N, C-alpha and C. Protein backbone atom coordinates (compact mmCIF):
# COMPACT_ATOMS: atom_id res chain seq x y z
N MET A 1 60.75 130.17 134.56
CA MET A 1 60.56 128.97 134.52
C MET A 1 61.65 128.34 136.07
N ALA A 2 60.44 127.70 136.76
CA ALA A 2 61.49 127.31 137.82
C ALA A 2 62.58 125.90 137.22
N ARG A 3 63.20 125.65 137.69
CA ARG A 3 64.21 124.89 137.54
C ARG A 3 64.27 123.89 138.01
N ILE A 4 63.91 122.69 138.86
CA ILE A 4 64.24 121.57 139.60
C ILE A 4 65.46 121.48 139.59
N ILE A 5 65.95 121.91 140.37
CA ILE A 5 67.95 120.98 140.75
C ILE A 5 67.17 119.07 141.62
N THR A 6 67.73 118.93 140.12
CA THR A 6 68.22 117.09 140.51
C THR A 6 70.28 117.09 141.00
N SER A 7 71.05 117.96 140.81
CA SER A 7 72.34 117.40 141.33
C SER A 7 73.18 118.19 142.06
N ILE A 8 73.35 118.24 143.03
CA ILE A 8 74.53 119.33 144.05
C ILE A 8 75.58 118.76 144.27
N THR A 9 76.19 117.51 143.34
CA THR A 9 77.71 117.81 143.39
C THR A 9 78.07 117.71 142.04
N GLY A 10 79.48 117.79 141.44
CA GLY A 10 80.21 117.66 140.39
C GLY A 10 81.26 116.46 140.68
N PRO A 11 82.16 116.27 139.83
CA PRO A 11 82.84 114.39 140.24
C PRO A 11 83.57 114.88 141.27
N THR A 12 84.03 115.82 141.48
CA THR A 12 85.36 115.77 142.37
C THR A 12 84.30 115.67 144.09
N VAL A 13 83.55 116.45 144.20
CA VAL A 13 82.46 115.84 146.11
C VAL A 13 82.14 114.17 145.29
N ARG A 14 81.75 113.51 143.96
CA ARG A 14 81.06 112.30 144.53
C ARG A 14 82.52 111.37 144.59
N GLU A 15 83.58 111.81 143.63
CA GLU A 15 85.06 110.92 144.09
C GLU A 15 85.21 110.96 145.67
N LYS A 16 85.01 111.90 146.26
CA LYS A 16 85.34 111.94 147.51
C LYS A 16 84.11 111.39 148.75
N TYR A 17 83.10 111.71 148.09
CA TYR A 17 81.83 110.37 149.69
C TYR A 17 82.00 109.36 149.07
N GLY A 18 81.56 109.34 147.66
CA GLY A 18 81.15 107.82 146.91
C GLY A 18 79.86 107.57 147.22
N CYS A 19 79.65 106.47 147.22
CA CYS A 19 78.83 105.43 147.75
C CYS A 19 78.13 105.05 148.64
N ILE A 20 77.25 104.81 149.31
CA ILE A 20 77.00 103.88 150.29
C ILE A 20 75.93 102.58 150.22
N ALA A 21 76.68 102.04 150.10
CA ALA A 21 75.54 100.77 149.32
C ALA A 21 74.78 99.73 150.21
N THR A 22 74.01 98.96 150.27
CA THR A 22 73.29 98.67 151.15
C THR A 22 73.62 97.16 150.24
N ILE A 23 73.51 96.36 151.28
CA ILE A 23 73.86 94.88 150.27
C ILE A 23 73.45 93.48 151.04
N GLN A 24 73.17 92.68 149.98
CA GLN A 24 72.91 91.74 151.32
C GLN A 24 73.17 90.16 150.77
N ASP A 25 73.72 89.16 151.49
CA ASP A 25 74.42 87.57 151.22
C ASP A 25 73.05 87.09 151.02
N GLU A 26 73.81 85.48 150.25
CA GLU A 26 72.71 84.56 150.03
C GLU A 26 71.69 84.35 151.44
N ASN A 27 72.22 84.37 152.66
CA ASN A 27 71.10 83.57 153.74
C ASN A 27 70.50 85.53 154.77
N LYS A 28 70.63 86.88 153.56
CA LYS A 28 69.98 87.72 153.18
C LYS A 28 70.64 89.02 154.62
N LYS A 29 71.33 88.31 155.04
CA LYS A 29 72.07 89.03 156.11
C LYS A 29 72.74 91.01 155.19
N GLN A 30 72.26 91.43 155.93
CA GLN A 30 73.26 93.08 155.14
C GLN A 30 74.17 93.18 156.17
N PHE A 31 74.43 94.07 154.71
CA PHE A 31 75.52 94.65 155.60
C PHE A 31 75.90 96.32 154.45
N VAL A 32 76.52 97.54 155.17
CA VAL A 32 76.87 99.05 154.65
C VAL A 32 78.30 99.00 154.59
N ILE A 33 78.34 99.32 152.97
CA ILE A 33 80.03 99.39 152.92
C ILE A 33 79.56 100.68 152.11
N GLN A 34 80.76 101.45 152.02
CA GLN A 34 81.15 102.76 150.93
C GLN A 34 82.36 102.51 150.29
N THR A 35 81.72 102.91 149.55
CA THR A 35 83.18 102.93 148.64
C THR A 35 83.99 103.96 147.95
N VAL A 36 84.81 104.92 147.85
CA VAL A 36 84.77 105.98 147.66
C VAL A 36 85.89 106.15 145.88
N GLY A 37 86.65 107.08 145.12
CA GLY A 37 87.53 107.01 144.01
C GLY A 37 86.52 107.87 142.63
N LYS A 38 87.27 107.26 141.57
CA LYS A 38 86.79 107.25 140.52
C LYS A 38 85.38 106.44 140.65
N ASP A 39 85.73 105.37 140.63
CA ASP A 39 85.23 104.01 139.74
C ASP A 39 84.10 103.80 141.05
N TYR A 40 83.50 104.62 141.95
CA TYR A 40 82.65 103.96 142.97
C TYR A 40 82.13 102.98 142.89
N ILE A 41 80.88 102.79 142.03
CA ILE A 41 80.17 101.58 141.38
C ILE A 41 80.72 101.03 141.07
N LYS A 42 81.70 100.79 140.59
CA LYS A 42 82.28 99.34 139.95
C LYS A 42 83.40 99.09 140.68
N GLN A 43 83.36 99.93 142.34
CA GLN A 43 83.99 98.64 143.17
C GLN A 43 83.01 97.85 144.02
N VAL A 44 81.71 98.82 143.99
CA VAL A 44 80.50 97.81 144.85
C VAL A 44 80.19 96.89 143.70
N VAL A 45 80.00 96.51 142.55
CA VAL A 45 79.49 95.40 141.47
C VAL A 45 81.05 94.45 142.09
N GLU A 46 82.03 94.96 141.74
CA GLU A 46 83.57 93.70 142.29
C GLU A 46 83.22 93.01 143.04
N ILE A 47 82.79 94.35 144.34
CA ILE A 47 82.51 92.97 145.63
C ILE A 47 81.33 92.79 145.99
N CYS A 48 80.36 92.92 145.30
CA CYS A 48 79.60 91.78 145.28
C CYS A 48 79.15 91.05 144.19
N ARG A 49 80.06 90.72 143.00
CA ARG A 49 80.23 89.74 142.20
C ARG A 49 81.31 88.79 142.43
N ASN A 50 82.39 88.98 143.36
CA ASN A 50 83.29 88.39 144.29
C ASN A 50 82.78 87.51 145.53
N GLY A 51 81.70 88.07 146.61
CA GLY A 51 80.96 87.53 146.98
C GLY A 51 79.82 87.37 147.07
N SER A 52 79.36 86.92 146.43
CA SER A 52 77.66 86.68 146.05
C SER A 52 76.93 87.46 146.81
N TYR A 53 77.09 89.00 146.97
CA TYR A 53 76.23 89.20 146.94
C TYR A 53 75.42 90.25 146.35
N LYS A 54 74.21 90.90 146.97
CA LYS A 54 73.49 91.41 145.41
C LYS A 54 72.99 93.08 146.12
N ILE A 55 72.78 93.95 145.31
CA ILE A 55 72.73 94.89 146.47
C ILE A 55 71.06 95.59 145.87
N ILE A 56 71.26 96.50 147.46
CA ILE A 56 69.80 96.73 148.13
C ILE A 56 69.56 97.80 147.86
N CYS A 57 70.19 98.88 148.16
CA CYS A 57 70.10 100.02 147.93
C CYS A 57 71.70 100.74 147.17
N LEU A 58 71.28 101.86 146.88
CA LEU A 58 73.14 102.42 147.07
C LEU A 58 72.42 103.75 146.90
N SER A 59 73.16 104.51 148.31
CA SER A 59 73.29 105.50 147.45
C SER A 59 74.43 106.86 147.61
N THR A 60 74.27 107.95 146.37
CA THR A 60 75.34 108.62 147.03
C THR A 60 74.58 110.31 147.29
N PRO A 61 75.23 111.52 147.16
CA PRO A 61 75.15 112.19 147.10
C PRO A 61 73.87 113.02 146.58
N ASN A 62 73.91 113.15 145.28
CA ASN A 62 72.72 112.77 144.07
C ASN A 62 71.08 112.46 144.63
N THR A 63 71.55 111.34 144.89
CA THR A 63 70.32 110.05 145.17
C THR A 63 69.80 110.79 146.44
N ILE A 64 70.65 111.11 147.39
CA ILE A 64 69.91 111.68 148.63
C ILE A 64 69.15 112.99 148.63
N TYR A 65 69.74 112.85 147.92
CA TYR A 65 69.18 114.90 147.47
C TYR A 65 67.88 114.94 147.03
N SER A 66 68.29 113.65 145.97
CA SER A 66 66.68 113.96 145.19
C SER A 66 65.60 112.84 145.90
N ASP A 67 66.08 112.12 146.69
CA ASP A 67 65.28 111.42 147.83
C ASP A 67 64.38 112.76 148.54
N LEU A 68 65.20 114.02 149.28
CA LEU A 68 64.65 114.77 150.47
C LEU A 68 63.68 115.93 149.16
N VAL A 69 64.37 116.26 148.24
CA VAL A 69 63.50 117.23 147.11
C VAL A 69 61.43 115.97 147.05
N ASN A 70 61.55 114.80 146.54
CA ASN A 70 61.21 114.46 146.22
C ASN A 70 61.21 113.97 144.99
N VAL A 71 61.77 114.45 144.58
CA VAL A 71 61.76 114.16 142.65
C VAL A 71 62.78 112.95 141.70
N ARG A 72 62.27 111.46 142.58
CA ARG A 72 62.41 110.51 142.66
C ARG A 72 61.34 109.46 141.66
N GLU A 73 61.65 109.03 140.19
CA GLU A 73 60.58 108.56 139.98
C GLU A 73 60.93 107.40 138.90
N PHE A 74 62.32 106.75 139.67
CA PHE A 74 62.74 105.86 139.38
C PHE A 74 63.84 105.61 140.09
N ARG A 75 64.19 104.00 140.39
CA ARG A 75 65.51 103.16 141.15
C ARG A 75 66.94 103.91 140.53
N PRO A 76 67.90 104.82 140.84
CA PRO A 76 68.43 105.33 140.18
C PRO A 76 69.57 104.47 140.14
N GLU A 77 69.28 102.77 140.65
CA GLU A 77 70.32 102.50 140.89
C GLU A 77 70.55 101.24 139.60
N TYR A 78 69.33 101.22 138.56
CA TYR A 78 69.35 100.78 137.59
C TYR A 78 70.19 101.47 136.55
N ALA A 79 70.30 102.46 136.58
CA ALA A 79 70.58 103.55 135.67
C ALA A 79 72.66 103.31 135.58
N MET A 80 72.58 103.74 137.45
CA MET A 80 74.39 103.55 137.77
C MET A 80 75.01 102.03 137.60
N LEU A 81 74.04 101.01 137.66
CA LEU A 81 74.73 99.20 137.48
C LEU A 81 74.56 99.05 135.99
N ALA A 82 73.68 99.55 135.64
CA ALA A 82 73.18 98.99 133.39
C ALA A 82 74.95 99.40 133.45
N ARG A 83 75.79 100.60 133.00
CA ARG A 83 76.86 101.06 132.90
C ARG A 83 78.01 99.89 133.26
N TYR A 84 77.88 98.97 134.01
CA TYR A 84 78.76 98.12 134.40
C TYR A 84 77.46 96.89 134.11
N LYS A 85 76.87 96.69 132.95
CA LYS A 85 76.06 95.11 132.81
C LYS A 85 76.11 94.80 134.14
N ALA A 86 75.51 95.09 134.88
CA ALA A 86 75.14 94.68 136.84
C ALA A 86 73.94 94.77 137.70
N VAL A 87 72.90 94.63 136.25
CA VAL A 87 71.54 94.84 137.11
C VAL A 87 71.18 93.94 136.86
N ASP A 88 71.68 93.09 137.32
CA ASP A 88 71.13 91.49 138.18
C ASP A 88 71.32 91.39 139.28
N LEU A 89 72.21 92.67 139.97
CA LEU A 89 72.78 92.15 141.21
C LEU A 89 71.21 92.77 141.98
N LEU A 90 71.15 93.35 141.67
CA LEU A 90 69.64 93.93 142.63
C LEU A 90 68.90 93.85 142.76
N VAL A 91 67.92 93.32 143.99
CA VAL A 91 67.45 92.57 144.78
C VAL A 91 65.93 92.82 144.11
C-alpha cells in the first residue's frame, strides 16, 4: 500500500526555516513576517497579540509541501495556533 508523505522535514529544518506568516492590522493592511527557532509559532502569536494583528496564513515547509501534493483537508493554522490558545487570531 502506498503511503502519502505529508512531512518532509524534521525539527531541525523546521527550526531553521520556521514560519512565514501573513498578518493584517486593524485597517486590513497586510504584512509578511518570518520567524525562526524552536518556538516560531509562539513568536508569531506574541507579535500579533502585542500589535493587534490577525493571522491570515501560516506557511511552514510542511504546509507548503502538503499544498503541493494536494493532501490538505483542513487549515493547519487551527492546529498550530490551538497549542497556544490563539485560534482567535485567525482571520
